[in-house]
Amino acid sequence: MLAELPTTLILTATFIGCPYSRIRAFEYNSNDPEMIAIAVIYLVAITMELLSPTPGGIGTAEAAFLLTLIEAVLSQTTAAAIGPYRLLTF
């Protein structure tokens, strides 16, 4: 179990880093969100996915991730660019 921990941490960091870099690319004129904000939003969305009664939590994590990002740091146009990321990583 401890042997899998580094792999899990790298995978989680990658799943947080991808949307963060996309957000930085699309939101270049506004104030840049902090990495910790994106990490907290991502981890909350994944927690919602785990608690969801749907198979694999499909739809729940995506909705929580995008709606929270729109509320916290994004314009709707940028959120539309981030949406396919979650569909590709499911």
N, C-alpha and C. Protein backbone atom coordinates (compact mmCIF):
# COMPACT_ATOMS: atom_id res chain seq x y z
N MET A 1 0.82 -1.19 0.00
CA MET A 1 0.00 0.00 0.00
C MET A 1 0.86 1.26 0.00
N LEU A 2 1.94 1.26 0.78
CA LEU A 2 2.82 2.43 0.79
C LEU A 2 3.56 2.60 -0.52
N ALA A 3 3.74 1.52 -1.25
CA ALA A 3 4.41 1.60 -2.55
C ALA A 3 3.56 2.36 -3.56
N GLU A 4 2.26 2.37 -3.38
CA GLU A 4 1.36 3.05 -4.31
C GLU A 4 1.20 4.53 -3.99
N LEU A 5 1.60 4.96 -2.81
CA LEU A 5 1.41 6.34 -2.39
C LEU A 5 2.09 7.36 -3.31
N PRO A 6 3.35 7.19 -3.70
CA PRO A 6 3.95 8.16 -4.61
C PRO A 6 3.21 8.27 -5.94
N THR A 7 2.77 7.16 -6.46
CA THR A 7 2.03 7.17 -7.72
C THR A 7 0.71 7.92 -7.57
N THR A 8 0.03 7.69 -6.47
CA THR A 8 -1.24 8.38 -6.22
C THR A 8 -1.02 9.88 -6.06
N LEU A 9 0.02 10.27 -5.37
CA LEU A 9 0.30 11.69 -5.20
C LEU A 9 0.66 12.36 -6.52
N ILE A 10 1.43 11.68 -7.35
CA ILE A 10 1.78 12.23 -8.66
C ILE A 10 0.55 12.35 -9.55
N LEU A 11 -0.31 11.35 -9.52
CA LEU A 11 -1.53 11.38 -10.31
C LEU A 11 -2.45 12.52 -9.86
N THR A 12 -2.61 12.69 -8.56
CA THR A 12 -3.44 13.77 -8.04
C THR A 12 -2.85 15.13 -8.39
N ALA A 13 -1.55 15.27 -8.27
CA ALA A 13 -0.90 16.54 -8.63
C ALA A 13 -1.08 16.85 -10.11
N THR A 14 -1.05 15.81 -10.94
CA THR A 14 -1.27 16.00 -12.38
C THR A 14 -2.71 16.42 -12.65
N PHE A 15 -3.66 15.77 -11.98
CA PHE A 15 -5.07 16.13 -12.17
C PHE A 15 -5.37 17.54 -11.68
N ILE A 16 -4.59 18.05 -10.75
CA ILE A 16 -4.76 19.43 -10.29
C ILE A 16 -4.00 20.38 -11.21
N GLY A 17 -2.82 19.98 -11.65
CA GLY A 17 -1.99 20.84 -12.48
C GLY A 17 -2.54 21.09 -13.87
N CYS A 18 -3.22 20.10 -14.46
CA CYS A 18 -3.78 20.27 -15.81
C CYS A 18 -4.84 21.37 -15.87
N PRO A 19 -5.87 21.34 -15.02
CA PRO A 19 -6.84 22.43 -15.10
C PRO A 19 -6.23 23.77 -14.68
N TYR A 20 -5.27 23.74 -13.75
CA TYR A 20 -4.64 24.99 -13.34
C TYR A 20 -3.91 25.64 -14.51
N SER A 21 -3.17 24.85 -15.28
CA SER A 21 -2.46 25.42 -16.42
C SER A 21 -3.42 25.89 -17.50
N ARG A 22 -4.52 25.18 -17.69
CA ARG A 22 -5.54 25.65 -18.65
C ARG A 22 -6.17 26.95 -18.20
N ILE A 23 -6.45 27.05 -16.92
CA ILE A 23 -7.05 28.28 -16.40
C ILE A 23 -6.08 29.44 -16.57
N ARG A 24 -4.81 29.22 -16.28
CA ARG A 24 -3.81 30.28 -16.44
C ARG A 24 -3.71 30.70 -17.90
N ALA A 25 -3.87 29.75 -18.83
CA ALA A 25 -3.78 30.07 -20.25
C ALA A 25 -4.96 30.90 -20.72
N PHE A 26 -6.16 30.59 -20.23
CA PHE A 26 -7.35 31.29 -20.69
C PHE A 26 -7.66 32.55 -19.90
N GLU A 27 -7.24 32.64 -18.67
CA GLU A 27 -7.54 33.79 -17.82
C GLU A 27 -6.32 34.71 -17.69
N TYR A 28 -5.63 34.95 -18.77
CA TYR A 28 -4.39 35.72 -18.70
C TYR A 28 -4.61 37.20 -18.44
N ASN A 29 -5.77 37.75 -18.72
CA ASN A 29 -6.02 39.18 -18.49
C ASN A 29 -6.52 39.48 -17.10
N SER A 30 -7.05 38.50 -16.42
CA SER A 30 -7.58 38.75 -15.08
C SER A 30 -6.58 38.29 -14.04
N ASN A 31 -6.96 38.43 -12.79
CA ASN A 31 -6.05 37.97 -11.74
C ASN A 31 -6.00 36.44 -11.77
N ASP A 32 -4.81 35.93 -11.67
CA ASP A 32 -4.60 34.49 -11.74
C ASP A 32 -5.04 33.81 -10.45
N PRO A 33 -5.75 32.71 -10.57
CA PRO A 33 -6.13 31.96 -9.35
C PRO A 33 -4.90 31.28 -8.76
N GLU A 34 -4.94 31.07 -7.48
CA GLU A 34 -3.83 30.39 -6.82
C GLU A 34 -3.99 28.88 -6.99
N MET A 35 -2.87 28.20 -7.00
CA MET A 35 -2.87 26.75 -7.16
C MET A 35 -3.63 26.08 -6.02
N ILE A 36 -3.51 26.60 -4.82
CA ILE A 36 -4.18 25.99 -3.67
C ILE A 36 -5.70 26.08 -3.82
N ALA A 37 -6.20 27.15 -4.42
CA ALA A 37 -7.65 27.28 -4.64
C ALA A 37 -8.14 26.21 -5.60
N ILE A 38 -7.41 26.00 -6.67
CA ILE A 38 -7.78 24.98 -7.64
C ILE A 38 -7.70 23.59 -7.00
N ALA A 39 -6.68 23.37 -6.18
CA ALA A 39 -6.52 22.08 -5.51
C ALA A 39 -7.68 21.80 -4.57
N VAL A 40 -8.09 22.80 -3.80
CA VAL A 40 -9.21 22.61 -2.87
C VAL A 40 -10.49 22.34 -3.64
N ILE A 41 -10.73 23.08 -4.71
CA ILE A 41 -11.93 22.89 -5.52
C ILE A 41 -11.93 21.48 -6.12
N TYR A 42 -10.80 21.04 -6.62
CA TYR A 42 -10.70 19.70 -7.21
C TYR A 42 -10.96 18.62 -6.15
N LEU A 43 -10.35 18.76 -5.00
CA LEU A 43 -10.52 17.75 -3.95
C LEU A 43 -11.95 17.71 -3.42
N VAL A 44 -12.60 18.85 -3.34
CA VAL A 44 -14.02 18.87 -2.94
C VAL A 44 -14.88 18.18 -3.99
N ALA A 45 -14.59 18.44 -5.27
CA ALA A 45 -15.35 17.78 -6.34
C ALA A 45 -15.16 16.27 -6.32
N ILE A 46 -13.94 15.81 -6.06
CA ILE A 46 -13.69 14.37 -5.99
C ILE A 46 -14.40 13.76 -4.78
N THR A 47 -14.44 14.49 -3.68
CA THR A 47 -15.18 14.01 -2.51
C THR A 47 -16.66 13.89 -2.83
N MET A 48 -17.21 14.86 -3.56
CA MET A 48 -18.61 14.78 -3.98
C MET A 48 -18.82 13.56 -4.88
N GLU A 49 -17.85 13.26 -5.72
CA GLU A 49 -17.95 12.09 -6.60
C GLU A 49 -18.00 10.81 -5.78
N LEU A 50 -17.20 10.73 -4.74
CA LEU A 50 -17.19 9.53 -3.90
C LEU A 50 -18.49 9.34 -3.13
N LEU A 51 -19.13 10.44 -2.78
CA LEU A 51 -20.38 10.37 -2.02
C LEU A 51 -21.61 10.24 -2.90
N SER A 52 -21.44 10.35 -4.19
CA SER A 52 -22.55 10.32 -5.13
C SER A 52 -23.11 8.91 -5.28
N PRO A 53 -24.45 8.80 -5.42
CA PRO A 53 -25.05 7.48 -5.62
C PRO A 53 -25.00 7.01 -7.07
N THR A 54 -24.53 7.85 -8.00
CA THR A 54 -24.49 7.44 -9.40
C THR A 54 -23.28 6.54 -9.65
N PRO A 55 -23.35 5.66 -10.62
CA PRO A 55 -22.22 4.76 -10.90
C PRO A 55 -20.97 5.53 -11.29
N GLY A 56 -19.92 5.37 -10.53
CA GLY A 56 -18.68 6.06 -10.80
C GLY A 56 -18.71 7.54 -10.49
N GLY A 57 -19.81 8.02 -9.92
CA GLY A 57 -19.94 9.44 -9.61
C GLY A 57 -20.01 10.33 -10.83
N ILE A 58 -20.36 9.72 -11.97
CA ILE A 58 -20.36 10.48 -13.23
C ILE A 58 -21.35 11.63 -13.17
N GLY A 59 -20.91 12.77 -13.59
CA GLY A 59 -21.75 13.96 -13.60
C GLY A 59 -21.64 14.77 -12.33
N THR A 60 -21.52 14.13 -11.20
CA THR A 60 -21.48 14.85 -9.93
C THR A 60 -20.19 15.63 -9.78
N ALA A 61 -19.07 14.98 -10.00
CA ALA A 61 -17.77 15.65 -9.86
C ALA A 61 -17.61 16.74 -10.91
N GLU A 62 -18.05 16.48 -12.12
CA GLU A 62 -17.93 17.46 -13.18
C GLU A 62 -18.75 18.71 -12.86
N ALA A 63 -19.97 18.50 -12.42
CA ALA A 63 -20.83 19.63 -12.07
C ALA A 63 -20.25 20.40 -10.88
N ALA A 64 -19.82 19.69 -9.86
CA ALA A 64 -19.25 20.37 -8.69
C ALA A 64 -17.98 21.11 -9.07
N PHE A 65 -17.14 20.51 -9.88
CA PHE A 65 -15.88 21.12 -10.30
C PHE A 65 -16.12 22.39 -11.10
N LEU A 66 -16.96 22.30 -12.13
CA LEU A 66 -17.19 23.45 -13.00
C LEU A 66 -17.98 24.56 -12.31
N LEU A 67 -19.03 24.19 -11.57
CA LEU A 67 -19.82 25.22 -10.91
C LEU A 67 -19.02 25.96 -9.83
N THR A 68 -18.20 25.23 -9.11
CA THR A 68 -17.37 25.88 -8.10
C THR A 68 -16.31 26.75 -8.74
N LEU A 69 -15.72 26.29 -9.83
CA LEU A 69 -14.73 27.11 -10.53
C LEU A 69 -15.35 28.38 -11.08
N ILE A 70 -16.55 28.27 -11.65
CA ILE A 70 -17.22 29.47 -12.18
C ILE A 70 -17.51 30.45 -11.05
N GLU A 71 -17.98 29.94 -9.93
CA GLU A 71 -18.30 30.80 -8.80
C GLU A 71 -17.05 31.44 -8.21
N ALA A 72 -15.96 30.69 -8.16
CA ALA A 72 -14.77 31.17 -7.47
C ALA A 72 -13.84 31.99 -8.36
N VAL A 73 -13.48 31.47 -9.51
CA VAL A 73 -12.39 32.12 -10.24
C VAL A 73 -12.58 32.28 -11.74
N LEU A 74 -13.54 31.64 -12.36
CA LEU A 74 -13.57 31.59 -13.82
C LEU A 74 -14.70 32.38 -14.44
N SER A 75 -14.48 32.74 -15.68
CA SER A 75 -15.58 33.19 -16.52
C SER A 75 -16.23 31.95 -17.13
N GLN A 76 -17.43 32.10 -17.64
CA GLN A 76 -18.11 30.94 -18.21
C GLN A 76 -17.43 30.45 -19.48
N THR A 77 -16.79 31.34 -20.21
CA THR A 77 -16.07 30.93 -21.41
C THR A 77 -14.91 30.01 -21.07
N THR A 78 -14.16 30.36 -20.04
CA THR A 78 -13.04 29.52 -19.63
C THR A 78 -13.54 28.19 -19.09
N ALA A 79 -14.65 28.21 -18.37
CA ALA A 79 -15.22 26.97 -17.85
C ALA A 79 -15.61 26.04 -18.99
N ALA A 80 -16.08 26.61 -20.09
CA ALA A 80 -16.42 25.78 -21.25
C ALA A 80 -15.17 25.11 -21.83
N ALA A 81 -14.02 25.74 -21.69
CA ALA A 81 -12.78 25.14 -22.16
C ALA A 81 -12.26 24.10 -21.19
N ILE A 82 -12.60 24.23 -19.91
CA ILE A 82 -12.13 23.29 -18.89
C ILE A 82 -13.00 22.03 -18.88
N GLY A 83 -14.26 22.15 -19.28
CA GLY A 83 -15.19 21.02 -19.24
C GLY A 83 -14.70 19.77 -19.94
N PRO A 84 -14.18 19.87 -21.16
CA PRO A 84 -13.70 18.65 -21.83
C PRO A 84 -12.58 17.93 -21.08
N TYR A 85 -11.82 18.65 -20.28
CA TYR A 85 -10.77 18.02 -19.49
C TYR A 85 -11.36 16.94 -18.59
N ARG A 86 -12.45 17.26 -17.91
CA ARG A 86 -13.05 16.28 -17.01
C ARG A 86 -13.65 15.11 -17.77
N LEU A 87 -14.18 15.36 -18.95
CA LEU A 87 -14.73 14.27 -19.75
C LEU A 87 -13.62 13.33 -20.24
N LEU A 88 -12.48 13.89 -20.58
CA LEU A 88 -11.38 13.06 -21.07
C LEU A 88 -10.69 12.27 -19.96
N THR A 89 -10.75 12.77 -18.73
CA THR A 89 -10.07 12.08 -17.64
C THR A 89 -10.99 11.15 -16.86
N PHE A 90 -12.23 11.00 -17.27
CA PHE A 90 -13.13 10.11 -16.55
C PHE A 90 -12.81 8.69 -16.82
